[in-house]
Amino acid sequence: MFTGIVEELGEVTAVEDLGDASRFRLRGPVVTEGAKHGDSIAVNGVCLTVVDHEGDEFTADVMAETLNRSSLGALTPGSKVNLERPTAVGARLGGHIVQGHVDGTGTIVDRKTSENWEIVKVSLPADLARYVVEKGSITVDGVSLTVVDAGPDYFTISLIPTTLALTTLGVKQPGDPVNLEVDVIAKYVERLLGHRAPTEEDPR
């Protein structure tokens, strides 16, 4: 489990085409400290498994399913990425519960700059709109954020200077894709309500 609090801005150093998958080599001095084979690291919000680790770099294999459902397929050597290690048991939950399982992708639609913050508008796939609510939580490229406004096919987020400086969201421009993970609690609630037992008032 992750919390959406990005630990560092890493970099893709190599991408190897494996046919039905890709092998990424990524640089991240913070997240590779003590890393070993089989560990999990979130890359732009996608939970990946460490295959190999050498120095301040690690490799991870990305299957076709992940490439198709996320924006990782658009990464090339030199691309900046948000990196986060799983949260430790007993640690503070600084953001919200993030699984690293991307639900879909959106696109940066617009950015409005203020003196100390920016409002960013992001397109939202229709099948995810029901999980996004005003003042609720959403993960964008692995960053835990609060929804400012939620529309039928978009939402807006407010980015503070720290987020702008330390994550990819500071440089993403209109037209750029972003990975989206909605609040998992909302999905579980929907699932449970869909299977609730009929009552006299609601015989179904």
Protein backbone atom coordinates (compact mmCIF):
# COMPACT_ATOMS: atom_id res chain seq x y z
CA MET A 1 0.00 0.00 0.00
CA PHE A 2 1.10 3.55 -0.76
CA THR A 3 -0.09 6.94 0.47
CA GLY A 4 0.42 9.16 -2.58
CA ILE A 5 3.18 11.17 -0.93
CA VAL A 6 5.91 11.20 -3.60
CA GLU A 7 9.38 10.60 -2.17
CA GLU A 8 11.42 11.79 -5.11
CA LEU A 9 11.38 12.80 -8.74
CA GLY A 10 13.18 10.00 -10.56
CA GLU A 11 14.18 9.48 -14.17
CA VAL A 12 13.79 6.76 -16.79
CA THR A 13 17.26 5.81 -18.00
CA ALA A 14 16.39 2.99 -20.43
CA VAL A 15 13.38 1.21 -21.95
CA GLU A 16 13.74 -2.28 -23.45
CA ASP A 17 11.02 -3.66 -25.71
CA LEU A 18 10.22 -7.26 -24.74
CA GLY A 19 7.49 -7.77 -27.32
CA ASP A 20 4.43 -8.12 -25.11
CA ALA A 21 6.06 -6.18 -22.28
CA SER A 22 8.72 -3.57 -21.57
CA ARG A 23 11.61 -3.47 -19.13
CA PHE A 24 12.24 -0.09 -17.57
CA ARG A 25 15.43 1.06 -15.89
CA LEU A 26 14.85 3.96 -13.53
CA ARG A 27 17.08 6.14 -11.39
CA GLY A 28 16.00 7.07 -7.87
CA PRO A 29 18.61 7.34 -5.09
CA VAL A 30 16.01 7.58 -2.31
CA VAL A 31 13.72 4.68 -3.27
CA THR A 32 16.60 2.36 -4.18
CA GLU A 33 18.22 2.67 -0.77
CA GLY A 34 17.96 -0.81 0.70
CA ALA A 35 15.90 -2.03 -2.26
CA LYS A 36 16.00 -5.70 -3.21
CA HIS A 37 14.52 -8.07 -5.77
CA GLY A 38 10.76 -8.38 -5.35
CA ASP A 39 10.22 -5.04 -3.60
CA SER A 40 7.44 -2.74 -4.77
CA ILE A 41 7.95 0.83 -5.96
CA ALA A 42 5.21 3.07 -7.34
CA VAL A 43 6.18 4.76 -10.62
CA ASN A 44 3.77 7.55 -11.57
CA GLY A 45 1.22 5.79 -9.39
CA VAL A 46 1.74 2.32 -10.86
CA CYS A 47 2.96 -0.37 -8.45
CA LEU A 48 5.94 -2.10 -10.08
CA THR A 49 8.15 -4.93 -8.83
CA VAL A 50 11.90 -4.50 -8.60
CA VAL A 51 13.62 -7.04 -10.86
CA ASP A 52 17.18 -5.86 -10.35
CA HIS A 53 18.91 -3.13 -8.38
CA GLU A 54 22.35 -1.63 -8.91
CA GLY A 55 23.57 1.61 -7.38
CA ASP A 56 20.83 4.22 -7.56
CA GLU A 57 18.96 2.45 -10.38
CA PHE A 58 16.45 -0.38 -10.54
CA THR A 59 14.69 -2.30 -13.30
CA ALA A 60 11.05 -3.31 -13.48
CA ASP A 61 9.07 -5.31 -16.04
CA VAL A 62 5.79 -3.78 -17.23
CA MET A 63 3.25 -6.13 -18.80
CA ALA A 64 1.00 -5.25 -21.74
CA GLU A 65 -2.04 -4.87 -19.46
CA THR A 66 -0.26 -2.16 -17.47
CA LEU A 67 1.07 -0.45 -20.58
CA ASN A 68 -2.46 -0.36 -22.03
CA ARG A 69 -4.18 0.90 -18.88
CA SER A 70 -1.62 3.50 -17.85
CA SER A 71 0.57 6.20 -19.35
CA LEU A 72 3.80 4.26 -18.73
CA GLY A 73 3.92 3.24 -22.38
CA ALA A 74 4.59 6.87 -23.29
CA LEU A 75 7.75 7.06 -21.15
CA THR A 76 11.12 7.31 -22.86
CA PRO A 77 14.71 7.64 -21.59
CA GLY A 78 14.96 11.00 -19.87
CA SER A 79 11.31 11.10 -18.75
CA LYS A 80 10.80 12.26 -15.17
CA VAL A 81 8.68 10.04 -12.92
CA ASN A 82 7.17 10.21 -9.45
CA LEU A 83 8.57 7.51 -7.14
CA GLU A 84 7.26 6.19 -3.83
CA ARG A 85 8.04 3.14 -1.71
CA PRO A 86 5.22 1.31 0.11
CA THR A 87 4.27 2.77 3.46
CA ALA A 88 5.57 0.95 6.53
CA VAL A 89 3.15 -0.60 9.01
CA GLY A 90 2.57 1.91 11.80
CA ALA A 91 3.73 4.88 9.74
CA ARG A 92 1.66 8.04 9.37
CA LEU A 93 -0.84 7.96 6.51
CA GLY A 94 0.14 11.30 5.01
CA GLY A 95 -2.08 11.12 1.94
CA HIS A 96 -4.80 8.48 1.53
CA ILE A 97 -4.95 4.73 0.84
CA VAL A 98 -3.37 4.18 -2.58
CA GLN A 99 -3.01 0.70 -4.08
CA GLY A 100 -0.88 1.52 -7.09
CA HIS A 101 -3.54 -0.04 -9.32
CA VAL A 102 -4.34 2.51 -12.00
CA ASP A 103 -8.02 2.75 -12.92
CA GLY A 104 -7.49 4.70 -16.12
CA THR A 105 -5.83 7.72 -17.63
CA GLY A 106 -6.86 11.33 -17.97
CA THR A 107 -5.40 14.28 -19.82
CA ILE A 108 -4.30 17.67 -18.57
CA VAL A 109 -6.88 20.04 -20.04
CA ASP A 110 -5.93 23.42 -18.61
CA ARG A 111 -3.69 25.13 -16.05
CA LYS A 112 -4.49 28.40 -14.28
CA THR A 113 -1.53 29.96 -12.52
CA SER A 114 -1.75 32.08 -9.38
CA GLU A 115 1.01 33.62 -7.31
CA ASN A 116 1.41 30.66 -4.95
CA TRP A 117 -0.57 27.79 -6.50
CA GLU A 118 -2.09 26.44 -9.69
CA ILE A 119 -5.51 25.04 -10.54
CA VAL A 120 -5.23 22.13 -12.98
CA LYS A 121 -8.16 20.70 -14.91
CA VAL A 122 -7.96 17.01 -15.82
CA SER A 123 -10.25 15.03 -18.13
CA LEU A 124 -12.03 12.09 -16.50
CA PRO A 125 -13.15 8.82 -18.15
CA ALA A 126 -16.93 8.48 -17.92
CA ASP A 127 -16.75 5.16 -16.04
CA LEU A 128 -14.72 6.76 -13.23
CA ALA A 129 -16.77 9.93 -12.76
CA ARG A 130 -19.06 8.36 -10.13
CA TYR A 131 -16.09 7.78 -7.82
CA VAL A 132 -14.84 11.38 -7.90
CA VAL A 133 -16.48 13.90 -5.57
CA GLU A 134 -15.75 17.45 -4.49
CA LYS A 135 -13.25 17.49 -1.59
CA GLY A 136 -12.67 13.75 -2.05
CA SER A 137 -9.31 12.11 -2.69
CA ILE A 138 -7.83 11.09 -6.03
CA THR A 139 -4.37 9.95 -7.11
CA VAL A 140 -2.89 11.67 -10.16
CA ASP A 141 0.41 10.21 -11.42
CA GLY A 142 0.91 8.77 -7.95
CA VAL A 143 0.24 12.05 -6.11
CA SER A 144 -2.50 12.09 -3.46
CA LEU A 145 -4.65 15.15 -4.11
CA THR A 146 -7.95 16.69 -3.04
CA VAL A 147 -10.60 17.26 -5.68
CA VAL A 148 -11.57 20.94 -5.90
CA ASP A 149 -14.40 20.55 -8.40
CA ALA A 150 -15.90 17.44 -10.00
CA GLY A 151 -17.78 17.49 -13.31
CA PRO A 152 -19.24 14.75 -15.52
CA ASP A 153 -16.04 14.37 -17.53
CA TYR A 154 -13.42 16.35 -15.63
CA PHE A 155 -12.14 17.35 -12.22
CA THR A 156 -9.86 20.09 -10.93
CA ILE A 157 -7.05 19.99 -8.40
CA SER A 158 -5.07 22.71 -6.64
CA LEU A 159 -1.29 22.31 -6.61
CA ILE A 160 0.84 23.95 -3.95
CA PRO A 161 4.46 25.03 -4.61
CA THR A 162 5.88 21.84 -3.04
CA THR A 163 3.86 19.62 -5.39
CA LEU A 164 4.78 21.78 -8.36
CA ALA A 165 8.49 21.61 -7.52
CA LEU A 166 8.83 17.98 -6.46
CA THR A 167 6.54 16.03 -8.82
CA THR A 168 5.87 15.65 -12.54
CA LEU A 169 2.67 17.66 -12.12
CA GLY A 170 4.77 20.81 -12.04
CA VAL A 171 5.76 20.35 -15.69
CA LYS A 172 2.83 18.49 -17.24
CA GLN A 173 1.15 20.56 -19.94
CA PRO A 174 -2.29 20.50 -21.62
CA GLY A 175 -2.51 17.36 -23.71
CA ASP A 176 -0.19 15.31 -21.47
CA PRO A 177 -1.61 12.03 -20.09
CA VAL A 178 -1.77 11.25 -16.37
CA ASN A 179 -2.52 8.06 -14.45
CA LEU A 180 -5.64 8.09 -12.29
CA GLU A 181 -6.54 5.95 -9.29
CA VAL A 182 -9.83 6.73 -7.59
CA ASP A 183 -10.50 6.23 -3.89
CA VAL A 184 -10.66 2.47 -3.33
CA ILE A 185 -13.13 2.94 -0.46
CA ALA A 186 -15.69 4.34 -2.92
CA LYS A 187 -15.36 1.24 -5.10
CA TYR A 188 -15.83 -1.11 -2.15
CA VAL A 189 -18.89 0.81 -0.94
CA GLU A 190 -20.43 0.60 -4.42
CA ARG A 191 -19.74 -3.13 -4.57
CA LEU A 192 -21.24 -3.77 -1.12
CA LEU A 193 -24.36 -1.73 -1.81
CA GLY A 194 -24.84 -3.60 -5.07
CA HIS A 195 -24.99 -6.90 -3.17
CA ARG A 196 -26.97 -5.80 -0.13
CA ALA A 197 -29.82 -8.03 0.98
CA PRO A 198 -33.36 -6.96 -0.13
CA THR A 199 -35.62 -5.43 2.53
CA GLU A 200 -39.40 -4.91 2.79
CA GLU A 201 -38.94 -1.24 1.95
CA ASP A 202 -36.61 -2.09 -0.96
CA PRO A 203 -37.67 -5.56 -2.20
CA ARG A 204 -35.80 -5.27 -5.51
